[in-house]
Full PDB file with SEQRES, HELIX, SHEET, SSBOND, CRYST1, ORIGX, SCALE, CONECT and MASTER records, all heavy atoms in Angstrom:
SEQRES   1 A   44  SER LEU MET THR THR PRO ALA LYS ALA THR VAL VAL TYR          
SEQRES   2 A   44  ASN TRP ARG THR VAL SER VAL GLU ARG GLY VAL GLU MET          
SEQRES   3 A   44  SER GLY ARG ILE GLY PHE SER GLU GLU ALA TRP PHE ALA          
SEQRES   4 A   44  ARG ARG ALA VAL VAL                                          
HELIX    1 AA1 GLU A   34  ALA A   39  1                                   6    
SHEET    1 AA1 2 THR A  10  ASN A  14  0                                        
SHEET    2 AA1 2 ARG A  29  SER A  33 -1                                        
CRYST1    1.000    1.000    1.000  90.00  90.00  90.00 P 1           1          
ORIGX1      1.000000  0.000000  0.000000        0.00000                         
ORIGX2      0.000000  1.000000  0.000000        0.00000                         
ORIGX3      0.000000  0.000000  1.000000        0.00000                         
SCALE1      1.000000  0.000000  0.000000        0.00000                         
SCALE2      0.000000  1.000000  0.000000        0.00000                         
SCALE3      0.000000  0.000000  1.000000        0.00000                         
ATOM      1  N   SER A   1     100.358  36.491 109.382  1.00  0.00           N  
ATOM      2  CA  SER A   1     100.004  37.496 108.392  1.00  0.00           C  
ATOM      3  C   SER A   1     100.803  37.289 107.096  1.00  0.00           C  
ATOM      4  O   SER A   1     100.316  37.550 106.006  1.00  0.00           O  
ATOM      5  CB  SER A   1     100.234  38.876 108.866  1.00  0.00           C  
ATOM      6  OG  SER A   1     101.555  39.120 109.157  1.00  0.00           O  
ATOM      7  N   LEU A   2     102.085  36.829 107.216  1.00  0.00           N  
ATOM      8  CA  LEU A   2     102.906  36.614 106.019  1.00  0.00           C  
ATOM      9  C   LEU A   2     102.414  35.430 105.234  1.00  0.00           C  
ATOM     10  O   LEU A   2     102.506  35.359 103.986  1.00  0.00           O  
ATOM     11  CB  LEU A   2     104.347  36.360 106.458  1.00  0.00           C  
ATOM     12  CG  LEU A   2     105.184  37.596 106.901  1.00  0.00           C  
ATOM     13  CD1 LEU A   2     106.523  37.159 107.340  1.00  0.00           C  
ATOM     14  CD2 LEU A   2     105.297  38.581 105.770  1.00  0.00           C  
ATOM     15  N   MET A   3     101.882  34.457 105.914  1.00  0.00           N  
ATOM     16  CA  MET A   3     101.454  33.169 105.257  1.00  0.00           C  
ATOM     17  C   MET A   3     100.053  33.224 104.758  1.00  0.00           C  
ATOM     18  O   MET A   3      99.541  32.247 104.244  1.00  0.00           O  
ATOM     19  CB  MET A   3     101.659  32.012 106.206  1.00  0.00           C  
ATOM     20  CG  MET A   3     103.128  31.809 106.625  1.00  0.00           C  
ATOM     21  SD  MET A   3     104.210  31.532 105.241  1.00  0.00           S  
ATOM     22  CE  MET A   3     103.660  29.922 104.690  1.00  0.00           C  
ATOM     23  N   THR A   4      99.301  34.295 105.036  1.00  0.00           N  
ATOM     24  CA  THR A   4      97.893  34.372 104.636  1.00  0.00           C  
ATOM     25  C   THR A   4      97.751  34.268 103.127  1.00  0.00           C  
ATOM     26  O   THR A   4      98.457  34.933 102.371  1.00  0.00           O  
ATOM     27  CB  THR A   4      97.272  35.708 105.104  1.00  0.00           C  
ATOM     28  OG1 THR A   4      97.352  35.763 106.543  1.00  0.00           O  
ATOM     29  CG2 THR A   4      95.816  35.774 104.638  1.00  0.00           C  
ATOM     30  N   THR A   5      96.847  33.441 102.630  1.00  0.00           N  
ATOM     31  CA  THR A   5      96.571  33.291 101.237  1.00  0.00           C  
ATOM     32  C   THR A   5      95.866  34.536 100.668  1.00  0.00           C  
ATOM     33  O   THR A   5      94.868  34.943 101.266  1.00  0.00           O  
ATOM     34  CB  THR A   5      95.750  32.033 100.940  1.00  0.00           C  
ATOM     35  OG1 THR A   5      96.404  30.910 101.488  1.00  0.00           O  
ATOM     36  CG2 THR A   5      95.479  31.838  99.448  1.00  0.00           C  
ATOM     37  N   PRO A   6      96.343  35.098  99.564  1.00  0.00           N  
ATOM     38  CA  PRO A   6      95.669  36.294  99.033  1.00  0.00           C  
ATOM     39  C   PRO A   6      94.292  35.964  98.543  1.00  0.00           C  
ATOM     40  O   PRO A   6      93.971  34.828  98.189  1.00  0.00           O  
ATOM     41  CB  PRO A   6      96.595  36.698  97.881  1.00  0.00           C  
ATOM     42  CG  PRO A   6      97.333  35.454  97.484  1.00  0.00           C  
ATOM     43  CD  PRO A   6      97.462  34.710  98.762  1.00  0.00           C  
ATOM     44  N   ALA A   7      93.373  36.979  98.625  1.00  0.00           N  
ATOM     45  CA  ALA A   7      91.971  36.734  98.209  1.00  0.00           C  
ATOM     46  C   ALA A   7      91.939  36.493  96.677  1.00  0.00           C  
ATOM     47  O   ALA A   7      92.706  37.004  95.942  1.00  0.00           O  
ATOM     48  CB  ALA A   7      91.188  37.973  98.562  1.00  0.00           C  
ATOM     49  N   LYS A   8      90.917  35.741  96.288  1.00  0.00           N  
ATOM     50  CA  LYS A   8      90.695  35.424  94.894  1.00  0.00           C  
ATOM     51  C   LYS A   8      90.344  36.732  94.215  1.00  0.00           C  
ATOM     52  O   LYS A   8      89.562  37.562  94.720  1.00  0.00           O  
ATOM     53  CB  LYS A   8      89.668  34.350  94.696  1.00  0.00           C  
ATOM     54  CG  LYS A   8      90.111  32.987  95.239  1.00  0.00           C  
ATOM     55  CD  LYS A   8      89.079  31.990  95.057  1.00  0.00           C  
ATOM     56  CE  LYS A   8      89.474  30.662  95.628  1.00  0.00           C  
ATOM     57  NZ  LYS A   8      88.421  29.602  95.484  1.00  0.00           N  
ATOM     58  N   ALA A   9      90.836  36.894  92.967  1.00  0.00           N  
ATOM     59  CA  ALA A   9      90.620  38.129  92.223  1.00  0.00           C  
ATOM     60  C   ALA A   9      90.009  37.844  90.865  1.00  0.00           C  
ATOM     61  O   ALA A   9      89.891  36.655  90.452  1.00  0.00           O  
ATOM     62  CB  ALA A   9      91.856  38.935  92.061  1.00  0.00           C  
ATOM     63  N   THR A  10      89.639  38.874  90.163  1.00  0.00           N  
ATOM     64  CA  THR A  10      89.082  38.799  88.823  1.00  0.00           C  
ATOM     65  C   THR A  10      90.235  38.930  87.779  1.00  0.00           C  
ATOM     66  O   THR A  10      91.066  39.797  87.952  1.00  0.00           O  
ATOM     67  CB  THR A  10      88.027  39.851  88.586  1.00  0.00           C  
ATOM     68  OG1 THR A  10      87.038  39.737  89.582  1.00  0.00           O  
ATOM     69  CG2 THR A  10      87.445  39.789  87.232  1.00  0.00           C  
ATOM     70  N   VAL A  11      90.216  38.069  86.834  1.00  0.00           N  
ATOM     71  CA  VAL A  11      91.211  38.160  85.707  1.00  0.00           C  
ATOM     72  C   VAL A  11      90.585  38.895  84.593  1.00  0.00           C  
ATOM     73  O   VAL A  11      89.588  38.488  84.017  1.00  0.00           O  
ATOM     74  CB  VAL A  11      91.641  36.751  85.244  1.00  0.00           C  
ATOM     75  CG1 VAL A  11      92.719  36.864  84.200  1.00  0.00           C  
ATOM     76  CG2 VAL A  11      92.087  35.909  86.414  1.00  0.00           C  
ATOM     77  N   VAL A  12      91.104  40.111  84.252  1.00  0.00           N  
ATOM     78  CA  VAL A  12      90.522  41.033  83.339  1.00  0.00           C  
ATOM     79  C   VAL A  12      91.179  41.045  81.982  1.00  0.00           C  
ATOM     80  O   VAL A  12      92.416  41.088  81.874  1.00  0.00           O  
ATOM     81  CB  VAL A  12      90.553  42.429  83.966  1.00  0.00           C  
ATOM     82  CG1 VAL A  12      89.973  43.485  82.962  1.00  0.00           C  
ATOM     83  CG2 VAL A  12      89.748  42.505  85.284  1.00  0.00           C  
ATOM     84  N   TYR A  13      90.317  41.039  80.937  1.00  0.00           N  
ATOM     85  CA  TYR A  13      90.775  41.201  79.525  1.00  0.00           C  
ATOM     86  C   TYR A  13      90.083  42.455  79.000  1.00  0.00           C  
ATOM     87  O   TYR A  13      88.844  42.652  79.176  1.00  0.00           O  
ATOM     88  CB  TYR A  13      90.446  40.019  78.706  1.00  0.00           C  
ATOM     89  CG  TYR A  13      91.302  38.831  78.920  1.00  0.00           C  
ATOM     90  CD1 TYR A  13      91.177  37.984  80.054  1.00  0.00           C  
ATOM     91  CD2 TYR A  13      92.329  38.488  77.979  1.00  0.00           C  
ATOM     92  CE1 TYR A  13      92.028  36.884  80.230  1.00  0.00           C  
ATOM     93  CE2 TYR A  13      93.174  37.447  78.180  1.00  0.00           C  
ATOM     94  CZ  TYR A  13      92.972  36.632  79.317  1.00  0.00           C  
ATOM     95  OH  TYR A  13      93.802  35.547  79.531  1.00  0.00           O  
ATOM     96  N   ASN A  14      90.891  43.328  78.312  1.00  0.00           N  
ATOM     97  CA  ASN A  14      90.343  44.494  77.687  1.00  0.00           C  
ATOM     98  C   ASN A  14      90.447  44.403  76.145  1.00  0.00           C  
ATOM     99  O   ASN A  14      91.405  43.851  75.640  1.00  0.00           O  
ATOM    100  CB  ASN A  14      91.071  45.744  78.179  1.00  0.00           C  
ATOM    101  CG  ASN A  14      90.889  46.022  79.605  1.00  0.00           C  
ATOM    102  OD1 ASN A  14      89.768  46.242  80.074  1.00  0.00           O  
ATOM    103  ND2 ASN A  14      91.999  46.005  80.413  1.00  0.00           N  
ATOM    104  N   TRP A  15      89.446  44.955  75.466  1.00  0.00           N  
ATOM    105  CA  TRP A  15      89.430  44.870  74.037  1.00  0.00           C  
ATOM    106  C   TRP A  15      90.333  45.934  73.441  1.00  0.00           C  
ATOM    107  O   TRP A  15      90.355  47.120  73.874  1.00  0.00           O  
ATOM    108  CB  TRP A  15      88.002  45.167  73.500  1.00  0.00           C  
ATOM    109  CG  TRP A  15      87.923  45.243  72.026  1.00  0.00           C  
ATOM    110  CD1 TRP A  15      87.873  46.393  71.284  1.00  0.00           C  
ATOM    111  CD2 TRP A  15      87.843  44.157  71.078  1.00  0.00           C  
ATOM    112  NE1 TRP A  15      87.794  46.074  69.918  1.00  0.00           N  
ATOM    113  CE2 TRP A  15      87.794  44.746  69.752  1.00  0.00           C  
ATOM    114  CE3 TRP A  15      87.897  42.800  71.193  1.00  0.00           C  
ATOM    115  CZ2 TRP A  15      87.709  44.008  68.594  1.00  0.00           C  
ATOM    116  CZ3 TRP A  15      87.772  41.999  70.038  1.00  0.00           C  
ATOM    117  CH2 TRP A  15      87.660  42.604  68.794  1.00  0.00           C  
ATOM    118  N   ARG A  16      91.195  45.541  72.486  1.00  0.00           N  
ATOM    119  CA  ARG A  16      92.076  46.501  71.754  1.00  0.00           C  
ATOM    120  C   ARG A  16      91.700  46.492  70.295  1.00  0.00           C  
ATOM    121  O   ARG A  16      91.785  45.417  69.653  1.00  0.00           O  
ATOM    122  CB  ARG A  16      93.572  46.064  71.966  1.00  0.00           C  
ATOM    123  CG  ARG A  16      93.996  46.025  73.415  1.00  0.00           C  
ATOM    124  CD  ARG A  16      93.808  47.268  74.166  1.00  0.00           C  
ATOM    125  NE  ARG A  16      94.300  47.241  75.515  1.00  0.00           N  
ATOM    126  CZ  ARG A  16      93.961  48.072  76.509  1.00  0.00           C  
ATOM    127  NH1 ARG A  16      93.056  49.062  76.243  1.00  0.00           N  
ATOM    128  NH2 ARG A  16      94.462  47.971  77.694  1.00  0.00           N  
ATOM    129  N   THR A  17      91.359  47.588  69.742  1.00  0.00           N  
ATOM    130  CA  THR A  17      90.913  47.682  68.358  1.00  0.00           C  
ATOM    131  C   THR A  17      92.135  47.748  67.485  1.00  0.00           C  
ATOM    132  O   THR A  17      93.058  48.574  67.688  1.00  0.00           O  
ATOM    133  CB  THR A  17      89.991  48.898  68.139  1.00  0.00           C  
ATOM    134  OG1 THR A  17      88.819  48.773  68.916  1.00  0.00           O  
ATOM    135  CG2 THR A  17      89.641  49.067  66.672  1.00  0.00           C  
ATOM    136  N   VAL A  18      92.050  46.960  66.370  1.00  0.00           N  
ATOM    137  CA  VAL A  18      93.094  47.030  65.326  1.00  0.00           C  
ATOM    138  C   VAL A  18      92.583  47.786  64.114  1.00  0.00           C  
ATOM    139  O   VAL A  18      93.314  48.656  63.601  1.00  0.00           O  
ATOM    140  CB  VAL A  18      93.492  45.574  64.904  1.00  0.00           C  
ATOM    141  CG1 VAL A  18      94.490  45.587  63.699  1.00  0.00           C  
ATOM    142  CG2 VAL A  18      94.126  44.837  66.077  1.00  0.00           C  
ATOM    143  N   SER A  19      91.387  47.576  63.738  1.00  0.00           N  
ATOM    144  CA  SER A  19      90.838  48.309  62.553  1.00  0.00           C  
ATOM    145  C   SER A  19      89.311  48.314  62.703  1.00  0.00           C  
ATOM    146  O   SER A  19      88.684  47.472  63.331  1.00  0.00           O  
ATOM    147  CB  SER A  19      91.236  47.637  61.254  1.00  0.00           C  
ATOM    148  OG  SER A  19      90.745  46.345  61.161  1.00  0.00           O  
ATOM    149  N   VAL A  20      88.688  49.290  62.017  1.00  0.00           N  
ATOM    150  CA  VAL A  20      87.234  49.441  61.980  1.00  0.00           C  
ATOM    151  C   VAL A  20      86.844  49.339  60.523  1.00  0.00           C  
ATOM    152  O   VAL A  20      87.121  50.229  59.725  1.00  0.00           O  
ATOM    153  CB  VAL A  20      86.756  50.790  62.538  1.00  0.00           C  
ATOM    154  CG1 VAL A  20      85.250  50.906  62.433  1.00  0.00           C  
ATOM    155  CG2 VAL A  20      87.185  50.890  64.012  1.00  0.00           C  
ATOM    156  N   GLU A  21      86.176  48.206  60.171  1.00  0.00           N  
ATOM    157  CA  GLU A  21      85.788  48.025  58.759  1.00  0.00           C  
ATOM    158  C   GLU A  21      84.518  48.795  58.435  1.00  0.00           C  
ATOM    159  O   GLU A  21      84.410  49.417  57.389  1.00  0.00           O  
ATOM    160  CB  GLU A  21      85.568  46.536  58.477  1.00  0.00           C  
ATOM    161  CG  GLU A  21      86.845  45.709  58.372  1.00  0.00           C  
ATOM    162  CD  GLU A  21      87.530  45.550  59.682  1.00  0.00           C  
ATOM    163  OE1 GLU A  21      86.871  45.444  60.698  1.00  0.00           O  
ATOM    164  OE2 GLU A  21      88.774  45.498  59.676  1.00  0.00           O  
ATOM    165  N   ARG A  22      83.575  48.802  59.298  1.00  0.00           N  
ATOM    166  CA  ARG A  22      82.280  49.511  59.059  1.00  0.00           C  
ATOM    167  C   ARG A  22      81.772  50.045  60.434  1.00  0.00           C  
ATOM    168  O   ARG A  22      81.904  49.419  61.463  1.00  0.00           O  
ATOM    169  CB  ARG A  22      81.265  48.571  58.508  1.00  0.00           C  
ATOM    170  CG  ARG A  22      81.554  47.971  57.136  1.00  0.00           C  
ATOM    171  CD  ARG A  22      80.290  47.320  56.475  1.00  0.00           C  
ATOM    172  NE  ARG A  22      79.726  46.274  57.358  1.00  0.00           N  
ATOM    173  CZ  ARG A  22      80.185  45.035  57.256  1.00  0.00           C  
ATOM    174  NH1 ARG A  22      81.218  44.698  56.419  1.00  0.00           N  
ATOM    175  NH2 ARG A  22      79.658  44.077  57.978  1.00  0.00           N  
ATOM    176  N   GLY A  23      81.219  51.231  60.319  1.00  0.00           N  
ATOM    177  CA  GLY A  23      80.580  51.787  61.514  1.00  0.00           C  
ATOM    178  C   GLY A  23      81.512  52.426  62.477  1.00  0.00           C  
ATOM    179  O   GLY A  23      82.517  53.085  62.110  1.00  0.00           O  
ATOM    180  N   VAL A  24      81.422  52.104  63.814  1.00  0.00           N  
ATOM    181  CA  VAL A  24      82.204  52.746  64.819  1.00  0.00           C  
ATOM    182  C   VAL A  24      82.923  51.726  65.631  1.00  0.00           C  
ATOM    183  O   VAL A  24      82.719  50.591  65.556  1.00  0.00           O  
ATOM    184  CB  VAL A  24      81.244  53.569  65.805  1.00  0.00           C  
ATOM    185  CG1 VAL A  24      80.648  54.749  65.078  1.00  0.00           C  
ATOM    186  CG2 VAL A  24      80.110  52.685  66.353  1.00  0.00           C  
ATOM    187  N   GLU A  25      83.884  52.226  66.448  1.00  0.00           N  
ATOM    188  CA  GLU A  25      84.796  51.389  67.231  1.00  0.00           C  
ATOM    189  C   GLU A  25      84.128  50.750  68.424  1.00  0.00           C  
ATOM    190  O   GLU A  25      83.302  51.367  69.119  1.00  0.00           O  
ATOM    191  CB  GLU A  25      86.002  52.197  67.657  1.00  0.00           C  
ATOM    192  CG  GLU A  25      87.044  51.444  68.420  1.00  0.00           C  
ATOM    193  CD  GLU A  25      88.285  52.296  68.780  1.00  0.00           C  
ATOM    194  OE1 GLU A  25      88.303  53.428  68.356  1.00  0.00           O  
ATOM    195  OE2 GLU A  25      89.071  51.758  69.492  1.00  0.00           O  
ATOM    196  N   MET A  26      84.482  49.489  68.663  1.00  0.00           N  
ATOM    197  CA  MET A  26      83.996  48.826  69.843  1.00  0.00           C  
ATOM    198  C   MET A  26      84.960  48.917  70.991  1.00  0.00           C  
ATOM    199  O   MET A  26      86.167  48.915  70.827  1.00  0.00           O  
ATOM    200  CB  MET A  26      83.698  47.329  69.537  1.00  0.00           C  
ATOM    201  CG  MET A  26      82.989  46.579  70.705  1.00  0.00           C  
ATOM    202  SD  MET A  26      82.860  44.804  70.472  1.00  0.00           S  
ATOM    203  CE  MET A  26      84.398  44.242  71.179  1.00  0.00           C  
ATOM    204  N   SER A  27      84.429  48.997  72.230  1.00  0.00           N  
ATOM    205  CA  SER A  27      85.204  48.895  73.424  1.00  0.00           C  
ATOM    206  C   SER A  27      84.667  47.762  74.292  1.00  0.00           C  
ATOM    207  O   SER A  27      83.479  47.366  74.140  1.00  0.00           O  
ATOM    208  CB  SER A  27      85.201  50.200  74.189  1.00  0.00           C  
ATOM    209  OG  SER A  27      85.660  51.265  73.493  1.00  0.00           O  
ATOM    210  N   GLY A  28      85.495  47.156  75.145  1.00  0.00           N  
ATOM    211  CA  GLY A  28      84.933  46.050  75.909  1.00  0.00           C  
ATOM    212  C   GLY A  28      85.892  45.662  77.056  1.00  0.00           C  
ATOM    213  O   GLY A  28      87.095  45.993  77.046  1.00  0.00           O  
ATOM    214  N   ARG A  29      85.242  44.975  78.022  1.00  0.00           N  
ATOM    215  CA  ARG A  29      86.002  44.437  79.187  1.00  0.00           C  
ATOM    216  C   ARG A  29      85.314  43.229  79.686  1.00  0.00           C  
ATOM    217  O   ARG A  29      84.053  43.212  79.862  1.00  0.00           O  
ATOM    218  CB  ARG A  29      86.021  45.512  80.309  1.00  0.00           C  
ATOM    219  CG  ARG A  29      86.731  45.125  81.584  1.00  0.00           C  
ATOM    220  CD  ARG A  29      86.566  46.166  82.658  1.00  0.00           C  
ATOM    221  NE  ARG A  29      87.349  45.882  83.833  1.00  0.00           N  
ATOM    222  CZ  ARG A  29      86.932  45.109  84.862  1.00  0.00           C  
ATOM    223  NH1 ARG A  29      85.760  44.511  84.759  1.00  0.00           N  
ATOM    224  NH2 ARG A  29      87.713  44.874  85.901  1.00  0.00           N  
ATOM    225  N   ILE A  30      86.029  42.119  79.941  1.00  0.00           N  
ATOM    226  CA  ILE A  30      85.503  40.931  80.463  1.00  0.00           C  
ATOM    227  C   ILE A  30      86.301  40.527  81.714  1.00  0.00           C  
ATOM    228  O   ILE A  30      87.570  40.383  81.630  1.00  0.00           O  
ATOM    229  CB  ILE A  30      85.470  39.753  79.479  1.00  0.00           C  
ATOM    230  CG1 ILE A  30      84.806  40.189  78.140  1.00  0.00           C  
ATOM    231  CG2 ILE A  30      84.811  38.535  80.067  1.00  0.00           C  
ATOM    232  CD1 ILE A  30      84.826  39.096  77.088  1.00  0.00           C  
ATOM    233  N   GLY A  31      85.661  40.281  82.800  1.00  0.00           N  
ATOM    234  CA  GLY A  31      86.341  39.832  83.995  1.00  0.00           C  
ATOM    235  C   GLY A  31      85.979  38.392  84.273  1.00  0.00           C  
ATOM    236  O   GLY A  31      84.829  38.027  84.453  1.00  0.00           O  
ATOM    237  N   PHE A  32      87.022  37.522  84.219  1.00  0.00           N  
ATOM    238  CA  PHE A  32      86.770  36.093  84.421  1.00  0.00           C  
ATOM    239  C   PHE A  32      87.231  35.692  85.856  1.00  0.00           C  
ATOM    240  O   PHE A  32      88.030  36.349  86.468  1.00  0.00           O  
ATOM    241  CB  PHE A  32      87.663  35.253  83.450  1.00  0.00           C  
ATOM    242  CG  PHE A  32      87.334  35.509  82.002  1.00  0.00           C  
ATOM    243  CD1 PHE A  32      88.017  36.392  81.245  1.00  0.00           C  
ATOM    244  CD2 PHE A  32      86.298  34.770  81.407  1.00  0.00           C  
ATOM    245  CE1 PHE A  32      87.760  36.584  79.899  1.00  0.00           C  
ATOM    246  CE2 PHE A  32      86.008  34.947  80.096  1.00  0.00           C  
ATOM    247  CZ  PHE A  32      86.743  35.857  79.309  1.00  0.00           C  
ATOM    248  N   SER A  33      86.578  34.616  86.357  1.00  0.00           N  
ATOM    249  CA  SER A  33      86.953  34.146  87.706  1.00  0.00           C  
ATOM    250  C   SER A  33      88.243  33.413  87.587  1.00  0.00           C  
ATOM    251  O   SER A  33      88.626  32.903  86.475  1.00  0.00           O  
ATOM    252  CB  SER A  33      85.904  33.190  88.251  1.00  0.00           C  
ATOM    253  OG  SER A  33      85.879  31.990  87.541  1.00  0.00           O  
ATOM    254  N   GLU A  34      89.018  33.389  88.663  1.00  0.00           N  
ATOM    255  CA  GLU A  34      90.313  32.664  88.599  1.00  0.00           C  
ATOM    256  C   GLU A  34      90.106  31.183  88.345  1.00  0.00           C  
ATOM    257  O   GLU A  34      90.856  30.540  87.636  1.00  0.00           O  
ATOM    258  CB  GLU A  34      91.050  32.873  89.920  1.00  0.00           C  
ATOM    259  CG  GLU A  34      91.749  34.183  90.093  1.00  0.00           C  
ATOM    260  CD  GLU A  34      92.723  34.212  91.292  1.00  0.00           C  
ATOM    261  OE1 GLU A  34      92.759  33.204  92.024  1.00  0.00           O  
ATOM    262  OE2 GLU A  34      93.417  35.193  91.522  1.00  0.00           O  
ATOM    263  N   GLU A  35      89.037  30.665  88.909  1.00  0.00           N  
ATOM    264  CA  GLU A  35      88.789  29.211  88.718  1.00  0.00           C  
ATOM    265  C   GLU A  35      88.665  28.855  87.217  1.00  0.00           C  
ATOM    266  O   GLU A  35      89.203  27.885  86.716  1.00  0.00           O  
ATOM    267  CB  GLU A  35      87.504  28.818  89.468  1.00  0.00           C  
ATOM    268  CG  GLU A  35      87.637  28.820  90.982  1.00  0.00           C  
ATOM    269  CD  GLU A  35      87.343  30.173  91.563  1.00  0.00           C  
ATOM    270  OE1 GLU A  35      87.206  31.126  90.804  1.00  0.00           O  
ATOM    271  OE2 GLU A  35      87.310  30.230  92.795  1.00  0.00           O  
ATOM    272  N   ALA A  36      87.877  29.698  86.518  1.00  0.00           N  
ATOM    273  CA  ALA A  36      87.670  29.475  85.069  1.00  0.00           C  
ATOM    274  C   ALA A  36      88.952  29.719  84.272  1.00  0.00           C  
ATOM    275  O   ALA A  36      89.278  28.918  83.370  1.00  0.00           O  
ATOM    276  CB  ALA A  36      86.555  30.372  84.523  1.00  0.00           C  
ATOM    277  N   TRP A  37      89.728  30.712  84.685  1.00  0.00           N  
ATOM    278  CA  TRP A  37      90.959  31.000  83.978  1.00  0.00           C  
ATOM    279  C   TRP A  37      92.004  29.871  84.104  1.00  0.00           C  
ATOM    280  O   TRP A  37      92.592  29.447  83.172  1.00  0.00           O  
ATOM    281  CB  TRP A  37      91.542  32.309  84.481  1.00  0.00           C  
ATOM    282  CG  TRP A  37      92.646  32.865  83.643  1.00  0.00           C  
ATOM    283  CD1 TRP A  37      92.454  33.633  82.500  1.00  0.00           C  
ATOM    284  CD2 TRP A  37      94.019  32.739  83.808  1.00  0.00           C  
ATOM    285  NE1 TRP A  37      93.679  33.977  81.971  1.00  0.00           N  
ATOM    286  CE2 TRP A  37      94.660  33.463  82.786  1.00  0.00           C  
ATOM    287  CE3 TRP A  37      94.804  32.099  84.774  1.00  0.00           C  
ATOM    288  CZ2 TRP A  37      96.052  33.504  82.662  1.00  0.00           C  
ATOM    289  CZ3 TRP A  37      96.220  32.139  84.627  1.00  0.00           C  
ATOM    290  CH2 TRP A  37      96.847  32.851  83.593  1.00  0.00           C  
ATOM    291  N   PHE A  38      92.123  29.361  85.323  1.00  0.00           N  
ATOM    292  CA  PHE A  38      93.068  28.315  85.563  1.00  0.00           C  
ATOM    293  C   PHE A  38      92.533  26.990  84.921  1.00  0.00           C  
ATOM    294  O   PHE A  38      93.352  26.105  84.559  1.00  0.00           O  
ATOM    295  CB  PHE A  38      93.272  28.062  87.060  1.00  0.00           C  
ATOM    296  CG  PHE A  38      94.261  28.978  87.644  1.00  0.00           C  
ATOM    297  CD1 PHE A  38      93.909  29.913  88.604  1.00  0.00           C  
ATOM    298  CD2 PHE A  38      95.585  28.970  87.248  1.00  0.00           C  
ATOM    299  CE1 PHE A  38      94.854  30.787  89.183  1.00  0.00           C  
ATOM    300  CE2 PHE A  38      96.526  29.819  87.749  1.00  0.00           C  
ATOM    301  CZ  PHE A  38      96.167  30.731  88.717  1.00  0.00           C  
ATOM    302  N   ALA A  39      91.248  26.810  84.814  1.00  0.00           N  
ATOM    303  CA  ALA A  39      90.642  25.610  84.107  1.00  0.00           C  
ATOM    304  C   ALA A  39      90.755  25.779  82.612  1.00  0.00           C  
ATOM    305  O   ALA A  39      90.465  24.879  81.877  1.00  0.00           O  
ATOM    306  CB  ALA A  39      89.226  25.441  84.545  1.00  0.00           C  
ATOM    307  N   ARG A  40      91.138  26.954  82.138  1.00  0.00           N  
ATOM    308  CA  ARG A  40      91.338  27.273  80.735  1.00  0.00           C  
ATOM    309  C   ARG A  40      90.037  27.227  79.950  1.00  0.00           C  
ATOM    310  O   ARG A  40      90.047  27.097  78.731  1.00  0.00           O  
ATOM    311  CB  ARG A  40      92.379  26.386  80.081  1.00  0.00           C  
ATOM    312  CG  ARG A  40      93.762  26.561  80.669  1.00  0.00           C  
ATOM    313  CD  ARG A  40      94.820  25.798  79.896  1.00  0.00           C  
ATOM    314  NE  ARG A  40      96.134  25.969  80.468  1.00  0.00           N  
ATOM    315  CZ  ARG A  40      97.267  25.438  79.949  1.00  0.00           C  
ATOM    316  NH1 ARG A  40      97.173  24.694  78.864  1.00  0.00           N  
ATOM    317  NH2 ARG A  40      98.410  25.627  80.535  1.00  0.00           N  
ATOM    318  N   ARG A  41      88.913  27.451  80.627  1.00  0.00           N  
ATOM    319  CA  ARG A  41      87.646  27.565  79.874  1.00  0.00           C  
ATOM    320  C   ARG A  41      86.616  28.270  80.703  1.00  0.00           C  
ATOM    321  O   ARG A  41      86.519  28.121  81.903  1.00  0.00           O  
ATOM    322  CB  ARG A  41      87.098  26.166  79.507  1.00  0.00           C  
ATOM    323  CG  ARG A  41      85.920  26.250  78.590  1.00  0.00           C  
ATOM    324  CD  ARG A  41      85.349  24.910  78.213  1.00  0.00           C  
ATOM    325  NE  ARG A  41      84.258  24.971  77.305  1.00  0.00           N  
ATOM    326  CZ  ARG A  41      83.471  24.024  76.929  1.00  0.00           C  
ATOM    327  NH1 ARG A  41      83.674  22.794  77.421  1.00  0.00           N  
ATOM    328  NH2 ARG A  41      82.465  24.195  76.070  1.00  0.00           N  
ATOM    329  N   ALA A  42      85.875  29.163  80.004  1.00  0.00           N  
ATOM    330  CA  ALA A  42      84.760  29.892  80.610  1.00  0.00           C  
ATOM    331  C   ALA A  42      83.534  29.695  79.833  1.00  0.00           C  
ATOM    332  O   ALA A  42      83.571  29.902  78.601  1.00  0.00           O  
ATOM    333  CB  ALA A  42      85.132  31.424  80.735  1.00  0.00           C  
ATOM    334  N   VAL A  43      82.471  29.342  80.484  1.00  0.00           N  
ATOM    335  CA  VAL A  43      81.170  29.113  79.801  1.00  0.00           C  
ATOM    336  C   VAL A  43      80.061  29.819  80.546  1.00  0.00           C  
ATOM    337  O   VAL A  43      79.904  29.636  81.719  1.00  0.00           O  
ATOM    338  CB  VAL A  43      80.865  27.568  79.703  1.00  0.00           C  
ATOM    339  CG1 VAL A  43      79.502  27.392  79.049  1.00  0.00           C  
ATOM    340  CG2 VAL A  43      81.922  26.879  78.950  1.00  0.00           C  
ATOM    341  N   VAL A  44      79.231  30.571  79.802  1.00  0.00           N  
ATOM    342  CA  VAL A  44      78.087  31.256  80.377  1.00  0.00           C  
ATOM    343  C   VAL A  44      76.890  31.083  79.411  1.00  0.00           C  
ATOM    344  O   VAL A  44      77.087  31.318  78.184  1.00  0.00           O  
ATOM    345  CB  VAL A  44      78.369  32.738  80.650  1.00  0.00           C  
ATOM    346  CG1 VAL A  44      77.123  33.452  81.172  1.00  0.00           C  
ATOM    347  CG2 VAL A  44      79.506  32.867  81.647  1.00  0.00           C  
TER     348      VAL A  44                                                      
MASTER        0    0    0    1    2    0    0    6  347    1    0    4          
END                                                                             
């Protein structure tokens, strides 16, 4: 049980607003697979 490899998880990025030039504020969340994150590229 100590040596069990942890399950693969989602790597999450959240949007942080700095300024709103026009209109209203955006919010966002993107969950990347670990494979893409370690490969340093995500393509969809």
